[in-house]
Full PDB file with SEQRES, HELIX, SHEET, SSBOND, CRYST1, ORIGX, SCALE, CONECT and MASTER records, all heavy atoms in Angstrom:
SEQRES   1 A   39  SER CYS PHE LYS LYS ASN ALA GLY ILE GLY PHE ASN ASP          
SEQRES   2 A   39  TYR LEU ARG GLN TYR ARG MET THR ILE ALA GLN GLN LEU          
SEQRES   3 A   39  ILE ARG SER THR ASP TYR SER LEU ASP ARG VAL ALA GLU          
HELIX    1 AA1 CYS A    2  ALA A    7  1                                   6    
HELIX    2 AA2 PHE A   11  SER A   29  1                                  19    
HELIX    3 AA3 LEU A   34  ALA A   38  1                                   5    
CRYST1    1.000    1.000    1.000  90.00  90.00  90.00 P 1           1          
ORIGX1      1.000000  0.000000  0.000000        0.00000                         
ORIGX2      0.000000  1.000000  0.000000        0.00000                         
ORIGX3      0.000000  0.000000  1.000000        0.00000                         
SCALE1      1.000000  0.000000  0.000000        0.00000                         
SCALE2      0.000000  1.000000  0.000000        0.00000                         
SCALE3      0.000000  0.000000  1.000000        0.00000                         
ATOM      1  N   SER A   1     -14.250  -2.209 -20.814  1.00  0.00           N  
ATOM      2  CA  SER A   1     -15.540  -2.889 -20.946  1.00  0.00           C  
ATOM      3  C   SER A   1     -15.358  -4.360 -21.313  1.00  0.00           C  
ATOM      4  O   SER A   1     -16.070  -5.221 -20.796  1.00  0.00           O  
ATOM      5  CB  SER A   1     -16.433  -2.176 -21.957  1.00  0.00           C  
ATOM      6  OG  SER A   1     -15.878  -2.229 -23.251  1.00  0.00           O  
ATOM      7  N   CYS A   2     -14.397  -4.670 -22.170  1.00  0.00           N  
ATOM      8  CA  CYS A   2     -14.126  -6.079 -22.521  1.00  0.00           C  
ATOM      9  C   CYS A   2     -13.592  -6.836 -21.309  1.00  0.00           C  
ATOM     10  O   CYS A   2     -13.991  -7.984 -21.070  1.00  0.00           O  
ATOM     11  CB  CYS A   2     -13.119  -6.165 -23.664  1.00  0.00           C  
ATOM     12  SG  CYS A   2     -13.789  -5.710 -25.265  1.00  0.00           S  
ATOM     13  N   PHE A   3     -12.725  -6.213 -20.563  1.00  0.00           N  
ATOM     14  CA  PHE A   3     -12.145  -6.863 -19.386  1.00  0.00           C  
ATOM     15  C   PHE A   3     -13.246  -7.184 -18.379  1.00  0.00           C  
ATOM     16  O   PHE A   3     -13.328  -8.299 -17.870  1.00  0.00           O  
ATOM     17  CB  PHE A   3     -11.079  -5.971 -18.739  1.00  0.00           C  
ATOM     18  CG  PHE A   3     -10.295  -6.663 -17.666  1.00  0.00           C  
ATOM     19  CD1 PHE A   3      -9.104  -7.300 -17.972  1.00  0.00           C  
ATOM     20  CD2 PHE A   3     -10.738  -6.696 -16.355  1.00  0.00           C  
ATOM     21  CE1 PHE A   3      -8.375  -7.952 -16.997  1.00  0.00           C  
ATOM     22  CE2 PHE A   3     -10.030  -7.345 -15.366  1.00  0.00           C  
ATOM     23  CZ  PHE A   3      -8.841  -7.981 -15.691  1.00  0.00           C  
ATOM     24  N   LYS A   4     -14.093  -6.217 -18.105  1.00  0.00           N  
ATOM     25  CA  LYS A   4     -15.162  -6.417 -17.123  1.00  0.00           C  
ATOM     26  C   LYS A   4     -16.144  -7.478 -17.601  1.00  0.00           C  
ATOM     27  O   LYS A   4     -16.609  -8.313 -16.817  1.00  0.00           O  
ATOM     28  CB  LYS A   4     -15.890  -5.114 -16.837  1.00  0.00           C  
ATOM     29  CG  LYS A   4     -16.894  -5.244 -15.717  1.00  0.00           C  
ATOM     30  CD  LYS A   4     -17.382  -3.914 -15.241  1.00  0.00           C  
ATOM     31  CE  LYS A   4     -18.224  -4.117 -13.986  1.00  0.00           C  
ATOM     32  NZ  LYS A   4     -18.514  -2.867 -13.327  1.00  0.00           N  
ATOM     33  N   LYS A   5     -16.450  -7.477 -18.884  1.00  0.00           N  
ATOM     34  CA  LYS A   5     -17.367  -8.468 -19.444  1.00  0.00           C  
ATOM     35  C   LYS A   5     -16.808  -9.882 -19.284  1.00  0.00           C  
ATOM     36  O   LYS A   5     -17.527 -10.812 -18.924  1.00  0.00           O  
ATOM     37  CB  LYS A   5     -17.621  -8.165 -20.917  1.00  0.00           C  
ATOM     38  CG  LYS A   5     -18.596  -9.107 -21.581  1.00  0.00           C  
ATOM     39  CD  LYS A   5     -18.808  -8.722 -23.026  1.00  0.00           C  
ATOM     40  CE  LYS A   5     -19.756  -9.695 -23.693  1.00  0.00           C  
ATOM     41  NZ  LYS A   5     -19.947  -9.365 -25.116  1.00  0.00           N  
ATOM     42  N   ASN A   6     -15.512 -10.049 -19.499  1.00  0.00           N  
ATOM     43  CA  ASN A   6     -14.896 -11.375 -19.446  1.00  0.00           C  
ATOM     44  C   ASN A   6     -14.463 -11.790 -18.045  1.00  0.00           C  
ATOM     45  O   ASN A   6     -14.523 -12.969 -17.708  1.00  0.00           O  
ATOM     46  CB  ASN A   6     -13.701 -11.437 -20.403  1.00  0.00           C  
ATOM     47  CG  ASN A   6     -14.137 -11.431 -21.844  1.00  0.00           C  
ATOM     48  OD1 ASN A   6     -14.934 -12.257 -22.261  1.00  0.00           O  
ATOM     49  ND2 ASN A   6     -13.646 -10.479 -22.618  1.00  0.00           N  
ATOM     50  N   ALA A   7     -14.013 -10.848 -17.240  1.00  0.00           N  
ATOM     51  CA  ALA A   7     -13.491 -11.187 -15.910  1.00  0.00           C  
ATOM     52  C   ALA A   7     -14.530 -11.012 -14.806  1.00  0.00           C  
ATOM     53  O   ALA A   7     -14.360 -11.527 -13.711  1.00  0.00           O  
ATOM     54  CB  ALA A   7     -12.265 -10.337 -15.598  1.00  0.00           C  
ATOM     55  N   GLY A   8     -15.578 -10.239 -15.099  1.00  0.00           N  
ATOM     56  CA  GLY A   8     -16.599 -10.010 -14.091  1.00  0.00           C  
ATOM     57  C   GLY A   8     -16.216  -8.971 -13.055  1.00  0.00           C  
ATOM     58  O   GLY A   8     -16.906  -8.799 -12.057  1.00  0.00           O  
ATOM     59  N   ILE A   9     -15.102  -8.303 -13.275  1.00  0.00           N  
ATOM     60  CA  ILE A   9     -14.612  -7.273 -12.353  1.00  0.00           C  
ATOM     61  C   ILE A   9     -13.899  -6.221 -13.194  1.00  0.00           C  
ATOM     62  O   ILE A   9     -13.292  -6.545 -14.221  1.00  0.00           O  
ATOM     63  CB  ILE A   9     -13.660  -7.886 -11.293  1.00  0.00           C  
ATOM     64  CG1 ILE A   9     -13.235  -6.870 -10.252  1.00  0.00           C  
ATOM     65  CG2 ILE A   9     -12.460  -8.551 -11.929  1.00  0.00           C  
ATOM     66  CD1 ILE A   9     -12.446  -7.465  -9.091  1.00  0.00           C  
ATOM     67  N   GLY A  10     -13.973  -4.975 -12.758  1.00  0.00           N  
ATOM     68  CA  GLY A  10     -13.290  -3.905 -13.484  1.00  0.00           C  
ATOM     69  C   GLY A  10     -11.781  -4.060 -13.402  1.00  0.00           C  
ATOM     70  O   GLY A  10     -11.244  -4.615 -12.439  1.00  0.00           O  
ATOM     71  N   PHE A  11     -11.090  -3.547 -14.418  1.00  0.00           N  
ATOM     72  CA  PHE A  11      -9.642  -3.699 -14.461  1.00  0.00           C  
ATOM     73  C   PHE A  11      -8.960  -3.061 -13.262  1.00  0.00           C  
ATOM     74  O   PHE A  11      -8.051  -3.648 -12.671  1.00  0.00           O  
ATOM     75  CB  PHE A  11      -9.067  -3.120 -15.752  1.00  0.00           C  
ATOM     76  CG  PHE A  11      -7.573  -3.217 -15.817  1.00  0.00           C  
ATOM     77  CD1 PHE A  11      -6.963  -4.452 -16.023  1.00  0.00           C  
ATOM     78  CD2 PHE A  11      -6.770  -2.104 -15.625  1.00  0.00           C  
ATOM     79  CE1 PHE A  11      -5.580  -4.566 -16.057  1.00  0.00           C  
ATOM     80  CE2 PHE A  11      -5.394  -2.215 -15.661  1.00  0.00           C  
ATOM     81  CZ  PHE A  11      -4.796  -3.440 -15.877  1.00  0.00           C  
ATOM     82  N   ASN A  12      -9.371  -1.853 -12.879  1.00  0.00           N  
ATOM     83  CA  ASN A  12      -8.728  -1.184 -11.739  1.00  0.00           C  
ATOM     84  C   ASN A  12      -8.929  -1.966 -10.446  1.00  0.00           C  
ATOM     85  O   ASN A  12      -8.000  -2.065  -9.638  1.00  0.00           O  
ATOM     86  CB  ASN A  12      -9.243   0.249 -11.585  1.00  0.00           C  
ATOM     87  CG  ASN A  12      -8.744   1.161 -12.682  1.00  0.00           C  
ATOM     88  OD1 ASN A  12      -7.683   0.924 -13.260  1.00  0.00           O  
ATOM     89  ND2 ASN A  12      -9.495   2.192 -12.989  1.00  0.00           N  
ATOM     90  N   ASP A  13     -10.112  -2.520 -10.253  1.00  0.00           N  
ATOM     91  CA  ASP A  13     -10.362  -3.347  -9.067  1.00  0.00           C  
ATOM     92  C   ASP A  13      -9.515  -4.615  -9.104  1.00  0.00           C  
ATOM     93  O   ASP A  13      -8.959  -5.037  -8.089  1.00  0.00           O  
ATOM     94  CB  ASP A  13     -11.840  -3.715  -8.945  1.00  0.00           C  
ATOM     95  CG  ASP A  13     -12.705  -2.516  -8.604  1.00  0.00           C  
ATOM     96  OD1 ASP A  13     -12.182  -1.563  -7.990  1.00  0.00           O  
ATOM     97  OD2 ASP A  13     -13.897  -2.536  -8.959  1.00  0.00           O  
ATOM     98  N   TYR A  14      -9.416  -5.225 -10.291  1.00  0.00           N  
ATOM     99  CA  TYR A  14      -8.592  -6.421 -10.445  1.00  0.00           C  
ATOM    100  C   TYR A  14      -7.126  -6.106 -10.130  1.00  0.00           C  
ATOM    101  O   TYR A  14      -6.467  -6.853  -9.389  1.00  0.00           O  
ATOM    102  CB  TYR A  14      -8.709  -6.969 -11.873  1.00  0.00           C  
ATOM    103  CG  TYR A  14      -7.735  -8.085 -12.144  1.00  0.00           C  
ATOM    104  CD1 TYR A  14      -8.025  -9.387 -11.746  1.00  0.00           C  
ATOM    105  CD2 TYR A  14      -6.521  -7.836 -12.774  1.00  0.00           C  
ATOM    106  CE1 TYR A  14      -7.121 -10.414 -11.973  1.00  0.00           C  
ATOM    107  CE2 TYR A  14      -5.615  -8.859 -13.007  1.00  0.00           C  
ATOM    108  CZ  TYR A  14      -5.922 -10.135 -12.604  1.00  0.00           C  
ATOM    109  OH  TYR A  14      -5.023 -11.154 -12.821  1.00  0.00           O  
ATOM    110  N   LEU A  15      -6.635  -5.010 -10.681  1.00  0.00           N  
ATOM    111  CA  LEU A  15      -5.241  -4.627 -10.468  1.00  0.00           C  
ATOM    112  C   LEU A  15      -4.972  -4.363  -8.991  1.00  0.00           C  
ATOM    113  O   LEU A  15      -3.960  -4.806  -8.449  1.00  0.00           O  
ATOM    114  CB  LEU A  15      -4.877  -3.401 -11.306  1.00  0.00           C  
ATOM    115  CG  LEU A  15      -3.445  -2.908 -11.210  1.00  0.00           C  
ATOM    116  CD1 LEU A  15      -2.460  -3.993 -11.646  1.00  0.00           C  
ATOM    117  CD2 LEU A  15      -3.269  -1.658 -12.066  1.00  0.00           C  
ATOM    118  N   ARG A  16      -5.893  -3.648  -8.317  1.00  0.00           N  
ATOM    119  CA  ARG A  16      -5.714  -3.380  -6.884  1.00  0.00           C  
ATOM    120  C   ARG A  16      -5.699  -4.682  -6.092  1.00  0.00           C  
ATOM    121  O   ARG A  16      -4.843  -4.888  -5.230  1.00  0.00           O  
ATOM    122  CB  ARG A  16      -6.813  -2.450  -6.360  1.00  0.00           C  
ATOM    123  CG  ARG A  16      -6.554  -2.020  -4.911  1.00  0.00           C  
ATOM    124  CD  ARG A  16      -7.631  -1.122  -4.317  1.00  0.00           C  
ATOM    125  NE  ARG A  16      -8.818  -1.905  -4.031  1.00  0.00           N  
ATOM    126  CZ  ARG A  16      -9.982  -1.807  -4.676  1.00  0.00           C  
ATOM    127  NH1 ARG A  16     -10.136  -0.937  -5.635  1.00  0.00           N  
ATOM    128  NH2 ARG A  16     -11.000  -2.559  -4.350  1.00  0.00           N  
ATOM    129  N   GLN A  17      -6.609  -5.602  -6.394  1.00  0.00           N  
ATOM    130  CA  GLN A  17      -6.640  -6.881  -5.680  1.00  0.00           C  
ATOM    131  C   GLN A  17      -5.366  -7.681  -5.923  1.00  0.00           C  
ATOM    132  O   GLN A  17      -4.818  -8.296  -5.003  1.00  0.00           O  
ATOM    133  CB  GLN A  17      -7.867  -7.688  -6.083  1.00  0.00           C  
ATOM    134  CG  GLN A  17      -9.150  -7.133  -5.533  1.00  0.00           C  
ATOM    135  CD  GLN A  17     -10.368  -7.949  -5.948  1.00  0.00           C  
ATOM    136  OE1 GLN A  17     -10.266  -8.944  -6.659  1.00  0.00           O  
ATOM    137  NE2 GLN A  17     -11.533  -7.515  -5.501  1.00  0.00           N  
ATOM    138  N   TYR A  18      -4.883  -7.676  -7.153  1.00  0.00           N  
ATOM    139  CA  TYR A  18      -3.651  -8.386  -7.474  1.00  0.00           C  
ATOM    140  C   TYR A  18      -2.471  -7.803  -6.703  1.00  0.00           C  
ATOM    141  O   TYR A  18      -1.683  -8.533  -6.100  1.00  0.00           O  
ATOM    142  CB  TYR A  18      -3.391  -8.330  -8.982  1.00  0.00           C  
ATOM    143  CG  TYR A  18      -2.091  -8.982  -9.367  1.00  0.00           C  
ATOM    144  CD1 TYR A  18      -1.989 -10.366  -9.416  1.00  0.00           C  
ATOM    145  CD2 TYR A  18      -0.970  -8.220  -9.667  1.00  0.00           C  
ATOM    146  CE1 TYR A  18      -0.793 -10.980  -9.758  1.00  0.00           C  
ATOM    147  CE2 TYR A  18       0.226  -8.819 -10.009  1.00  0.00           C  
ATOM    148  CZ  TYR A  18       0.311 -10.200 -10.051  1.00  0.00           C  
ATOM    149  OH  TYR A  18       1.500 -10.802 -10.382  1.00  0.00           O  
ATOM    150  N   ARG A  19      -2.366  -6.474  -6.708  1.00  0.00           N  
ATOM    151  CA  ARG A  19      -1.272  -5.813  -5.985  1.00  0.00           C  
ATOM    152  C   ARG A  19      -1.334  -6.116  -4.488  1.00  0.00           C  
ATOM    153  O   ARG A  19      -0.308  -6.332  -3.848  1.00  0.00           O  
ATOM    154  CB  ARG A  19      -1.332  -4.302  -6.197  1.00  0.00           C  
ATOM    155  CG  ARG A  19      -0.901  -3.864  -7.566  1.00  0.00           C  
ATOM    156  CD  ARG A  19      -1.117  -2.384  -7.740  1.00  0.00           C  
ATOM    157  NE  ARG A  19      -0.451  -1.900  -8.939  1.00  0.00           N  
ATOM    158  CZ  ARG A  19      -0.541  -0.656  -9.384  1.00  0.00           C  
ATOM    159  NH1 ARG A  19      -1.266   0.227  -8.717  1.00  0.00           N  
ATOM    160  NH2 ARG A  19       0.094  -0.293 -10.470  1.00  0.00           N  
ATOM    161  N   MET A  20      -2.535  -6.148  -3.932  1.00  0.00           N  
ATOM    162  CA  MET A  20      -2.684  -6.415  -2.503  1.00  0.00           C  
ATOM    163  C   MET A  20      -2.338  -7.870  -2.176  1.00  0.00           C  
ATOM    164  O   MET A  20      -1.786  -8.156  -1.113  1.00  0.00           O  
ATOM    165  CB  MET A  20      -4.094  -6.075  -2.020  1.00  0.00           C  
ATOM    166  CG  MET A  20      -4.422  -4.600  -2.091  1.00  0.00           C  
ATOM    167  SD  MET A  20      -3.239  -3.558  -1.207  1.00  0.00           S  
ATOM    168  CE  MET A  20      -2.741  -2.453  -2.522  1.00  0.00           C  
ATOM    169  N   THR A  21      -2.623  -8.775  -3.080  1.00  0.00           N  
ATOM    170  CA  THR A  21      -2.239 -10.175  -2.886  1.00  0.00           C  
ATOM    171  C   THR A  21      -0.716 -10.302  -2.826  1.00  0.00           C  
ATOM    172  O   THR A  21      -0.175 -10.978  -1.946  1.00  0.00           O  
ATOM    173  CB  THR A  21      -2.803 -11.060  -4.023  1.00  0.00           C  
ATOM    174  OG1 THR A  21      -4.225 -10.969  -4.000  1.00  0.00           O  
ATOM    175  CG2 THR A  21      -2.377 -12.507  -3.862  1.00  0.00           C  
ATOM    176  N   ILE A  22      -0.039  -9.636  -3.737  1.00  0.00           N  
ATOM    177  CA  ILE A  22       1.432  -9.646  -3.744  1.00  0.00           C  
ATOM    178  C   ILE A  22       1.954  -8.961  -2.492  1.00  0.00           C  
ATOM    179  O   ILE A  22       2.904  -9.434  -1.853  1.00  0.00           O  
ATOM    180  CB  ILE A  22       1.988  -8.974  -5.016  1.00  0.00           C  
ATOM    181  CG1 ILE A  22       1.491  -9.689  -6.279  1.00  0.00           C  
ATOM    182  CG2 ILE A  22       3.510  -8.917  -4.977  1.00  0.00           C  
ATOM    183  CD1 ILE A  22       1.846 -11.156  -6.371  1.00  0.00           C  
ATOM    184  N   ALA A  23       1.352  -7.843  -2.107  1.00  0.00           N  
ATOM    185  CA  ALA A  23       1.772  -7.118  -0.903  1.00  0.00           C  
ATOM    186  C   ALA A  23       1.627  -8.010   0.331  1.00  0.00           C  
ATOM    187  O   ALA A  23       2.524  -8.034   1.183  1.00  0.00           O  
ATOM    188  CB  ALA A  23       0.956  -5.840  -0.729  1.00  0.00           C  
ATOM    189  N   GLN A  24       0.533  -8.742   0.430  1.00  0.00           N  
ATOM    190  CA  GLN A  24       0.344  -9.653   1.561  1.00  0.00           C  
ATOM    191  C   GLN A  24       1.475 -10.670   1.625  1.00  0.00           C  
ATOM    192  O   GLN A  24       2.021 -10.942   2.693  1.00  0.00           O  
ATOM    193  CB  GLN A  24      -0.983 -10.403   1.431  1.00  0.00           C  
ATOM    194  CG  GLN A  24      -2.198  -9.575   1.710  1.00  0.00           C  
ATOM    195  CD  GLN A  24      -3.450 -10.365   1.435  1.00  0.00           C  
ATOM    196  OE1 GLN A  24      -3.759 -10.699   0.299  1.00  0.00           O  
ATOM    197  NE2 GLN A  24      -4.168 -10.683   2.487  1.00  0.00           N  
ATOM    198  N   GLN A  25       1.818 -11.234   0.484  1.00  0.00           N  
ATOM    199  CA  GLN A  25       2.895 -12.227   0.438  1.00  0.00           C  
ATOM    200  C   GLN A  25       4.224 -11.606   0.863  1.00  0.00           C  
ATOM    201  O   GLN A  25       4.986 -12.232   1.611  1.00  0.00           O  
ATOM    202  CB  GLN A  25       3.006 -12.817  -0.967  1.00  0.00           C  
ATOM    203  CG  GLN A  25       1.819 -13.647  -1.357  1.00  0.00           C  
ATOM    204  CD  GLN A  25       1.846 -14.044  -2.834  1.00  0.00           C  
ATOM    205  OE1 GLN A  25       2.716 -13.625  -3.602  1.00  0.00           O  
ATOM    206  NE2 GLN A  25       0.872 -14.847  -3.238  1.00  0.00           N  
ATOM    207  N   LEU A  26       4.502 -10.407   0.389  1.00  0.00           N  
ATOM    208  CA  LEU A  26       5.762  -9.746   0.737  1.00  0.00           C  
ATOM    209  C   LEU A  26       5.807  -9.412   2.230  1.00  0.00           C  
ATOM    210  O   LEU A  26       6.846  -9.573   2.869  1.00  0.00           O  
ATOM    211  CB  LEU A  26       5.940  -8.469  -0.091  1.00  0.00           C  
ATOM    212  CG  LEU A  26       6.250  -8.683  -1.568  1.00  0.00           C  
ATOM    213  CD1 LEU A  26       6.143  -7.371  -2.335  1.00  0.00           C  
ATOM    214  CD2 LEU A  26       7.634  -9.301  -1.743  1.00  0.00           C  
ATOM    215  N   ILE A  27       4.709  -8.948   2.774  1.00  0.00           N  
ATOM    216  CA  ILE A  27       4.674  -8.600   4.198  1.00  0.00           C  
ATOM    217  C   ILE A  27       4.890  -9.840   5.054  1.00  0.00           C  
ATOM    218  O   ILE A  27       5.625  -9.809   6.034  1.00  0.00           O  
ATOM    219  CB  ILE A  27       3.339  -7.902   4.555  1.00  0.00           C  
ATOM    220  CG1 ILE A  27       3.296  -6.505   3.922  1.00  0.00           C  
ATOM    221  CG2 ILE A  27       3.159  -7.804   6.070  1.00  0.00           C  
ATOM    222  CD1 ILE A  27       1.924  -5.833   3.984  1.00  0.00           C  
ATOM    223  N   ARG A  28       4.276 -10.953   4.655  1.00  0.00           N  
ATOM    224  CA  ARG A  28       4.400 -12.187   5.449  1.00  0.00           C  
ATOM    225  C   ARG A  28       5.766 -12.852   5.304  1.00  0.00           C  
ATOM    226  O   ARG A  28       6.250 -13.461   6.250  1.00  0.00           O  
ATOM    227  CB  ARG A  28       3.323 -13.193   5.029  1.00  0.00           C  
ATOM    228  CG  ARG A  28       1.946 -12.863   5.540  1.00  0.00           C  
ATOM    229  CD  ARG A  28       0.992 -14.030   5.391  1.00  0.00           C  
ATOM    230  NE  ARG A  28       1.012 -14.640   4.072  1.00  0.00           N  
ATOM    231  CZ  ARG A  28       0.117 -14.409   3.116  1.00  0.00           C  
ATOM    232  NH1 ARG A  28      -0.885 -13.586   3.334  1.00  0.00           N  
ATOM    233  NH2 ARG A  28       0.212 -15.016   1.952  1.00  0.00           N  
ATOM    234  N   SER A  29       6.377 -12.744   4.148  1.00  0.00           N  
ATOM    235  CA  SER A  29       7.561 -13.570   3.890  1.00  0.00           C  
ATOM    236  C   SER A  29       8.889 -12.812   3.825  1.00  0.00           C  
ATOM    237  O   SER A  29       9.927 -13.428   3.597  1.00  0.00           O  
ATOM    238  CB  SER A  29       7.371 -14.343   2.586  1.00  0.00           C  
ATOM    239  OG  SER A  29       7.278 -13.456   1.491  1.00  0.00           O  
ATOM    240  N   THR A  30       8.856 -11.489   3.993  1.00  0.00           N  
ATOM    241  CA  THR A  30      10.101 -10.722   3.936  1.00  0.00           C  
ATOM    242  C   THR A  30      10.174  -9.755   5.110  1.00  0.00           C  
ATOM    243  O   THR A  30       9.202  -9.578   5.833  1.00  0.00           O  
ATOM    244  CB  THR A  30      10.212  -9.897   2.631  1.00  0.00           C  
ATOM    245  OG1 THR A  30       9.241  -8.859   2.646  1.00  0.00           O  
ATOM    246  CG2 THR A  30      10.042 -10.771   1.399  1.00  0.00           C  
ATOM    247  N   ASP A  31      11.312  -9.133   5.247  1.00  0.00           N  
ATOM    248  CA  ASP A  31      11.490  -8.103   6.269  1.00  0.00           C  
ATOM    249  C   ASP A  31      11.517  -6.704   5.658  1.00  0.00           C  
ATOM    250  O   ASP A  31      12.006  -5.763   6.281  1.00  0.00           O  
ATOM    251  CB  ASP A  31      12.794  -8.343   7.046  1.00  0.00           C  
ATOM    252  CG  ASP A  31      12.696  -9.555   7.952  1.00  0.00           C  
ATOM    253  OD1 ASP A  31      11.586  -9.835   8.448  1.00  0.00           O  
ATOM    254  OD2 ASP A  31      13.720 -10.225   8.161  1.00  0.00           O  
ATOM    255  N   TYR A  32      10.996  -6.560   4.445  1.00  0.00           N  
ATOM    256  CA  TYR A  32      10.973  -5.257   3.794  1.00  0.00           C  
ATOM    257  C   TYR A  32      10.094  -4.297   4.592  1.00  0.00           C  
ATOM    258  O   TYR A  32       9.094  -4.688   5.189  1.00  0.00           O  
ATOM    259  CB  TYR A  32      10.408  -5.348   2.381  1.00  0.00           C  
ATOM    260  CG  TYR A  32      11.255  -6.116   1.408  1.00  0.00           C  
ATOM    261  CD1 TYR A  32      10.698  -7.040   0.545  1.00  0.00           C  
ATOM    262  CD2 TYR A  32      12.625  -5.902   1.326  1.00  0.00           C  
ATOM    263  CE1 TYR A  32      11.459  -7.746  -0.369  1.00  0.00           C  
ATOM    264  CE2 TYR A  32      13.405  -6.602   0.417  1.00  0.00           C  
ATOM    265  CZ  TYR A  32      12.811  -7.513  -0.427  1.00  0.00           C  
ATOM    266  OH  TYR A  32      13.571  -8.200  -1.319  1.00  0.00           O  
ATOM    267  N   SER A  33      10.468  -3.022   4.559  1.00  0.00           N  
ATOM    268  CA  SER A  33       9.627  -2.008   5.185  1.00  0.00           C  
ATOM    269  C   SER A  33       8.330  -1.902   4.383  1.00  0.00           C  
ATOM    270  O   SER A  33       8.263  -2.286   3.203  1.00  0.00           O  
ATOM    271  CB  SER A  33      10.340  -0.655   5.186  1.00  0.00           C  
ATOM    272  OG  SER A  33      10.417  -0.143   3.870  1.00  0.00           O  
ATOM    273  N   LEU A  34       7.310  -1.349   5.005  1.00  0.00           N  
ATOM    274  CA  LEU A  34       6.029  -1.191   4.311  1.00  0.00           C  
ATOM    275  C   LEU A  34       6.149  -0.209   3.152  1.00  0.00           C  
ATOM    276  O   LEU A  34       5.483  -0.382   2.123  1.00  0.00           O  
ATOM    277  CB  LEU A  34       4.939  -0.765   5.294  1.00  0.00           C  
ATOM    278  CG  LEU A  34       4.610  -1.804   6.358  1.00  0.00           C  
ATOM    279  CD1 LEU A  34       3.584  -1.261   7.338  1.00  0.00           C  
ATOM    280  CD2 LEU A  34       4.122  -3.103   5.739  1.00  0.00           C  
ATOM    281  N   ASP A  35       7.019   0.784   3.281  1.00  0.00           N  
ATOM    282  CA  ASP A  35       7.265   1.713   2.170  1.00  0.00           C  
ATOM    283  C   ASP A  35       7.864   0.969   0.976  1.00  0.00           C  
ATOM    284  O   ASP A  35       7.498   1.220  -0.171  1.00  0.00           O  
ATOM    285  CB  ASP A  35       8.194   2.844   2.595  1.00  0.00           C  
ATOM    286  CG  ASP A  35       7.534   3.831   3.539  1.00  0.00           C  
ATOM    287  OD1 ASP A  35       6.306   3.730   3.775  1.00  0.00           O  
ATOM    288  OD2 ASP A  35       8.248   4.711   4.050  1.00  0.00           O  
ATOM    289  N   ARG A  36       8.779   0.061   1.260  1.00  0.00           N  
ATOM    290  CA  ARG A  36       9.408  -0.730   0.192  1.00  0.00           C  
ATOM    291  C   ARG A  36       8.392  -1.659  -0.456  1.00  0.00           C  
ATOM    292  O   ARG A  36       8.357  -1.816  -1.677  1.00  0.00           O  
ATOM    293  CB  ARG A  36      10.592  -1.524   0.764  1.00  0.00           C  
ATOM    294  CG  ARG A  36      11.271  -2.423  -0.242  1.00  0.00           C  
ATOM    295  CD  ARG A  36      12.064  -1.605  -1.271  1.00  0.00           C  
ATOM    296  NE  ARG A  36      12.766  -2.519  -2.147  1.00  0.00           N  
ATOM    297  CZ  ARG A  36      12.646  -2.504  -3.475  1.00  0.00           C  
ATOM    298  NH1 ARG A  36      11.913  -1.594  -4.074  1.00  0.00           N  
ATOM    299  NH2 ARG A  36      13.290  -3.375  -4.212  1.00  0.00           N  
ATOM    300  N   VAL A  37       7.546  -2.287   0.341  1.00  0.00           N  
ATOM    301  CA  VAL A  37       6.493  -3.160  -0.195  1.00  0.00           C  
ATOM    302  C   VAL A  37       5.576  -2.348  -1.105  1.00  0.00           C  
ATOM    303  O   VAL A  37       5.238  -2.794  -2.204  1.00  0.00           O  
ATOM    304  CB  VAL A  37       5.698  -3.845   0.936  1.00  0.00           C  
ATOM    305  CG1 VAL A  37       4.466  -4.555   0.390  1.00  0.00           C  
ATOM    306  CG2 VAL A  37       6.577  -4.819   1.703  1.00  0.00           C  
ATOM    307  N   ALA A  38       5.186  -1.165  -0.650  1.00  0.00           N  
ATOM    308  CA  ALA A  38       4.327  -0.299  -1.464  1.00  0.00           C  
ATOM    309  C   ALA A  38       4.976  -0.021  -2.819  1.00  0.00           C  
ATOM    310  O   ALA A  38       4.327  -0.139  -3.866  1.00  0.00           O  
ATOM    311  CB  ALA A  38       4.055   1.011  -0.728  1.00  0.00           C  
ATOM    312  N   GLU A  39       6.242   0.303  -2.784  1.00  0.00           N  
ATOM    313  CA  GLU A  39       6.975   0.585  -4.024  1.00  0.00           C  
ATOM    314  C   GLU A  39       7.043  -0.649  -4.919  1.00  0.00           C  
ATOM    315  O   GLU A  39       6.861  -0.565  -6.129  1.00  0.00           O  
ATOM    316  CB  GLU A  39       8.379   1.061  -3.666  1.00  0.00           C  
ATOM    317  CG  GLU A  39       9.234   1.430  -4.846  1.00  0.00           C  
ATOM    318  CD  GLU A  39      10.627   1.850  -4.411  1.00  0.00           C  
ATOM    319  OE1 GLU A  39      10.734   2.692  -3.496  1.00  0.00           O  
ATOM    320  OE2 GLU A  39      11.593   1.318  -4.977  1.00  0.00           O  
TER     321      GLU A  39                                                      
MASTER        0    0    0    3    0    0    0    6  320    1    0    3          
END                                                                             
C-alpha cells in the first residue's frame, strides 16, 4: 500500500515492467536464448 501510494503503481506491476525493460535490453543487445533471458 505504501509503494502504490508513492509510486502510483502496484509493486508487482512495477517489478514486471522493470523485468520486461531489462529483458528488452538483453534481447536487443545479446545473443542469449530467450530461456536464458527469462532466467
